[in-house]
Amino acid sequence: MNLPWHLYVMAFVYFIAGLNHFRNPRLYLKIIPPYFPNPKLLNHISGLAEIFLGISLCIPVLSSYAAWGVIALLMAIFPTHLYMYFDEKARMGLPKWVLLLRMPLQLVLIFWAYQYT
């Protein structure tokens, strides 16, 4: 079974994003809401999940499961978007309108992943 090229694009995006959790952890630690315990561990788990899911999307027998995993991950990290919107220190200098636009973008990313379930 051949996988569509846009699935490889999505896989690459998640793989690179996952690597970035380890390359630049401070960026991610800043946006983890303080009510979550052990931000370093959560950063590592989400980074490893993105790497694993990115690779799994490219394996035909796993790609459907990986797409569901991407959907679950996107839902799990949604609180970071709310935290960034409401907490000035977590905004990274981004205007509120950009942060507001990121929230519906999550729905677009979920829909994109859903295409491969």
C-alpha atoms as a PDB file:
ATOM      1  CA  MET A   1       0.000   0.000   0.000  1.00  0.00           C
ATOM      2  CA  ASN A   2       1.420   3.371  -1.013  1.00  0.00           C
ATOM      3  CA  LEU A   3       1.014   6.220   1.409  1.00  0.00           C
ATOM      4  CA  PRO A   4       0.135   9.682   0.029  1.00  0.00           C
ATOM      5  CA  TRP A   5       2.917  12.256  -0.090  1.00  0.00           C
ATOM      6  CA  HIS A   6       1.017  14.639   2.225  1.00  0.00           C
ATOM      7  CA  LEU A   7       1.083  11.972   4.935  1.00  0.00           C
ATOM      8  CA  TYR A   8       4.882  12.067   4.683  1.00  0.00           C
ATOM      9  CA  VAL A   9       4.737  15.855   5.040  1.00  0.00           C
ATOM     10  CA  MET A  10       2.696  15.505   8.217  1.00  0.00           C
ATOM     11  CA  ALA A  11       5.050  12.804   9.502  1.00  0.00           C
ATOM     12  CA  PHE A  12       8.060  15.047   8.844  1.00  0.00           C
ATOM     13  CA  VAL A  13       6.430  17.973  10.671  1.00  0.00           C
ATOM     14  CA  TYR A  14       5.753  15.904  13.784  1.00  0.00           C
ATOM     15  CA  PHE A  15       9.164  14.233  13.684  1.00  0.00           C
ATOM     16  CA  ILE A  16      10.985  17.587  13.492  1.00  0.00           C
ATOM     17  CA  ALA A  17       8.721  19.113  16.146  1.00  0.00           C
ATOM     18  CA  GLY A  18       9.491  16.167  18.409  1.00  0.00           C
ATOM     19  CA  LEU A  19      13.229  16.597  17.931  1.00  0.00           C
ATOM     20  CA  ASN A  20      12.853  20.278  18.756  1.00  0.00           C
ATOM     21  CA  HIS A  21      11.548  19.373  22.225  1.00  0.00           C
ATOM     22  CA  PHE A  22      15.074  18.114  22.967  1.00  0.00           C
ATOM     23  CA  ARG A  23      16.970  20.718  20.962  1.00  0.00           C
ATOM     24  CA  ASN A  24      15.182  23.679  22.563  1.00  0.00           C
ATOM     25  CA  PRO A  25      13.426  22.449  25.725  1.00  0.00           C
ATOM     26  CA  ARG A  26      13.147  25.905  27.313  1.00  0.00           C
ATOM     27  CA  LEU A  27      10.743  26.971  24.578  1.00  0.00           C
ATOM     28  CA  TYR A  28       8.349  24.183  25.524  1.00  0.00           C
ATOM     29  CA  LEU A  29       8.862  24.378  29.276  1.00  0.00           C
ATOM     30  CA  LYS A  30       7.682  28.010  29.144  1.00  0.00           C
ATOM     31  CA  ILE A  31       4.324  27.064  27.702  1.00  0.00           C
ATOM     32  CA  ILE A  32       3.453  24.108  29.925  1.00  0.00           C
ATOM     33  CA  PRO A  33       0.790  25.332  32.358  1.00  0.00           C
ATOM     34  CA  PRO A  34       2.035  25.399  35.961  1.00  0.00           C
ATOM     35  CA  TYR A  35      -0.834  23.212  37.160  1.00  0.00           C
ATOM     36  CA  PHE A  36       0.732  20.258  35.298  1.00  0.00           C
ATOM     37  CA  PRO A  37       3.290  18.353  37.381  1.00  0.00           C
ATOM     38  CA  ASN A  38       6.851  17.700  36.212  1.00  0.00           C
ATOM     39  CA  PRO A  39       7.104  19.912  33.101  1.00  0.00           C
ATOM     40  CA  LYS A  40      10.473  18.403  32.081  1.00  0.00           C
ATOM     41  CA  LEU A  41       8.991  14.926  31.975  1.00  0.00           C
ATOM     42  CA  LEU A  42       5.933  16.158  30.069  1.00  0.00           C
ATOM     43  CA  ASN A  43       8.210  17.869  27.545  1.00  0.00           C
ATOM     44  CA  HIS A  44      10.183  14.662  27.032  1.00  0.00           C
ATOM     45  CA  ILE A  45       7.045  12.540  26.743  1.00  0.00           C
ATOM     46  CA  SER A  46       5.423  14.851  24.201  1.00  0.00           C
ATOM     47  CA  GLY A  47       8.674  15.130  22.220  1.00  0.00           C
ATOM     48  CA  LEU A  48       9.115  11.347  22.134  1.00  0.00           C
ATOM     49  CA  ALA A  49       5.447  10.940  21.208  1.00  0.00           C
ATOM     50  CA  GLU A  50       5.831  13.308  18.258  1.00  0.00           C
ATOM     51  CA  ILE A  51       8.961  11.489  17.065  1.00  0.00           C
ATOM     52  CA  PHE A  52       7.326   8.074  17.453  1.00  0.00           C
ATOM     53  CA  LEU A  53       4.103   9.198  15.774  1.00  0.00           C
ATOM     54  CA  GLY A  54       6.004  10.860  12.923  1.00  0.00           C
ATOM     55  CA  ILE A  55       7.875   7.620  12.219  1.00  0.00           C
ATOM     56  CA  SER A  56       4.759   5.477  12.674  1.00  0.00           C
ATOM     57  CA  LEU A  57       2.805   7.561  10.174  1.00  0.00           C
ATOM     58  CA  CYS A  58       5.255   6.337   7.509  1.00  0.00           C
ATOM     59  CA  ILE A  59       4.690   2.647   8.272  1.00  0.00           C
ATOM     60  CA  PRO A  60       1.564   1.476   6.431  1.00  0.00           C
ATOM     61  CA  VAL A  61       0.507  -1.062   9.053  1.00  0.00           C
ATOM     62  CA  LEU A  62       0.813   1.604  11.794  1.00  0.00           C
ATOM     63  CA  SER A  63      -0.214   4.786   9.996  1.00  0.00           C
ATOM     64  CA  SER A  64      -3.902   4.642  10.955  1.00  0.00           C
ATOM     65  CA  TYR A  65      -3.054   4.087  14.624  1.00  0.00           C
ATOM     66  CA  ALA A  66      -0.467   6.844  14.471  1.00  0.00           C
ATOM     67  CA  ALA A  67      -3.038   9.238  13.011  1.00  0.00           C
ATOM     68  CA  TRP A  68      -5.300   8.520  15.997  1.00  0.00           C
ATOM     69  CA  GLY A  69      -2.270   9.111  18.217  1.00  0.00           C
ATOM     70  CA  VAL A  70      -1.682  12.494  16.590  1.00  0.00           C
ATOM     71  CA  ILE A  71      -5.315  13.417  17.242  1.00  0.00           C
ATOM     72  CA  ALA A  72      -4.977  12.395  20.895  1.00  0.00           C
ATOM     73  CA  LEU A  73      -1.721  14.333  21.229  1.00  0.00           C
ATOM     74  CA  LEU A  74      -3.230  17.470  19.718  1.00  0.00           C
ATOM     75  CA  MET A  75      -6.099  17.269  22.174  1.00  0.00           C
ATOM     76  CA  ALA A  76      -3.736  16.646  25.091  1.00  0.00           C
ATOM     77  CA  ILE A  77      -1.581  19.691  24.339  1.00  0.00           C
ATOM     78  CA  PHE A  78      -4.517  22.054  23.804  1.00  0.00           C
ATOM     79  CA  PRO A  79      -4.200  23.472  27.367  1.00  0.00           C
ATOM     80  CA  THR A  80      -0.843  24.953  26.354  1.00  0.00           C
ATOM     81  CA  HIS A  81      -2.622  27.109  23.772  1.00  0.00           C
ATOM     82  CA  LEU A  82      -5.053  28.385  26.369  1.00  0.00           C
ATOM     83  CA  TYR A  83      -2.224  29.009  28.815  1.00  0.00           C
ATOM     84  CA  MET A  84      -0.257  30.970  26.222  1.00  0.00           C
ATOM     85  CA  TYR A  85      -3.319  33.051  25.402  1.00  0.00           C
ATOM     86  CA  PHE A  86      -4.127  33.948  28.991  1.00  0.00           C
ATOM     87  CA  ASP A  87      -0.629  34.216  30.528  1.00  0.00           C
ATOM     88  CA  GLU A  88       1.558  37.048  29.283  1.00  0.00           C
ATOM     89  CA  LYS A  89       4.825  35.344  30.305  1.00  0.00           C
ATOM     90  CA  ALA A  90       3.985  32.275  28.226  1.00  0.00           C
ATOM     91  CA  ARG A  91       3.145  34.274  25.083  1.00  0.00           C
ATOM     92  CA  MET A  92       6.703  34.448  23.775  1.00  0.00           C
ATOM     93  CA  GLY A  93       5.992  37.954  22.527  1.00  0.00           C
ATOM     94  CA  LEU A  94       3.249  36.815  20.169  1.00  0.00           C
ATOM     95  CA  PRO A  95       0.195  39.039  19.825  1.00  0.00           C
ATOM     96  CA  LYS A  96      -3.032  37.699  21.309  1.00  0.00           C
ATOM     97  CA  TRP A  97      -4.710  37.520  17.896  1.00  0.00           C
ATOM     98  CA  VAL A  98      -2.025  35.086  16.673  1.00  0.00           C
ATOM     99  CA  LEU A  99      -2.507  32.939  19.758  1.00  0.00           C
ATOM    100  CA  LEU A 100      -6.254  33.030  19.230  1.00  0.00           C
ATOM    101  CA  LEU A 101      -5.821  31.847  15.626  1.00  0.00           C
ATOM    102  CA  ARG A 102      -3.691  28.912  16.807  1.00  0.00           C
ATOM    103  CA  MET A 103      -6.646  27.382  18.621  1.00  0.00           C
ATOM    104  CA  PRO A 104      -8.818  26.690  15.556  1.00  0.00           C
ATOM    105  CA  LEU A 105      -5.644  25.652  13.729  1.00  0.00           C
ATOM    106  CA  GLN A 106      -5.626  22.674  16.114  1.00  0.00           C
ATOM    107  CA  LEU A 107      -8.938  21.630  14.567  1.00  0.00           C
ATOM    108  CA  VAL A 108      -7.404  21.827  11.098  1.00  0.00           C
ATOM    109  CA  LEU A 109      -4.488  19.658  12.263  1.00  0.00           C
ATOM    110  CA  ILE A 110      -6.911  17.180  13.840  1.00  0.00           C
ATOM    111  CA  PHE A 111      -8.907  17.031  10.596  1.00  0.00           C
ATOM    112  CA  TRP A 112      -5.681  16.507   8.630  1.00  0.00           C
ATOM    113  CA  ALA A 113      -4.716  13.578  10.843  1.00  0.00           C
ATOM    114  CA  TYR A 114      -8.250  12.190  10.715  1.00  0.00           C
ATOM    115  CA  GLN A 115      -7.893  11.788   6.945  1.00  0.00           C
ATOM    116  CA  TYR A 116      -5.477   8.888   7.621  1.00  0.00           C
ATOM    117  CA  THR A 117      -7.433   6.978  10.282  1.00  0.00           C
END
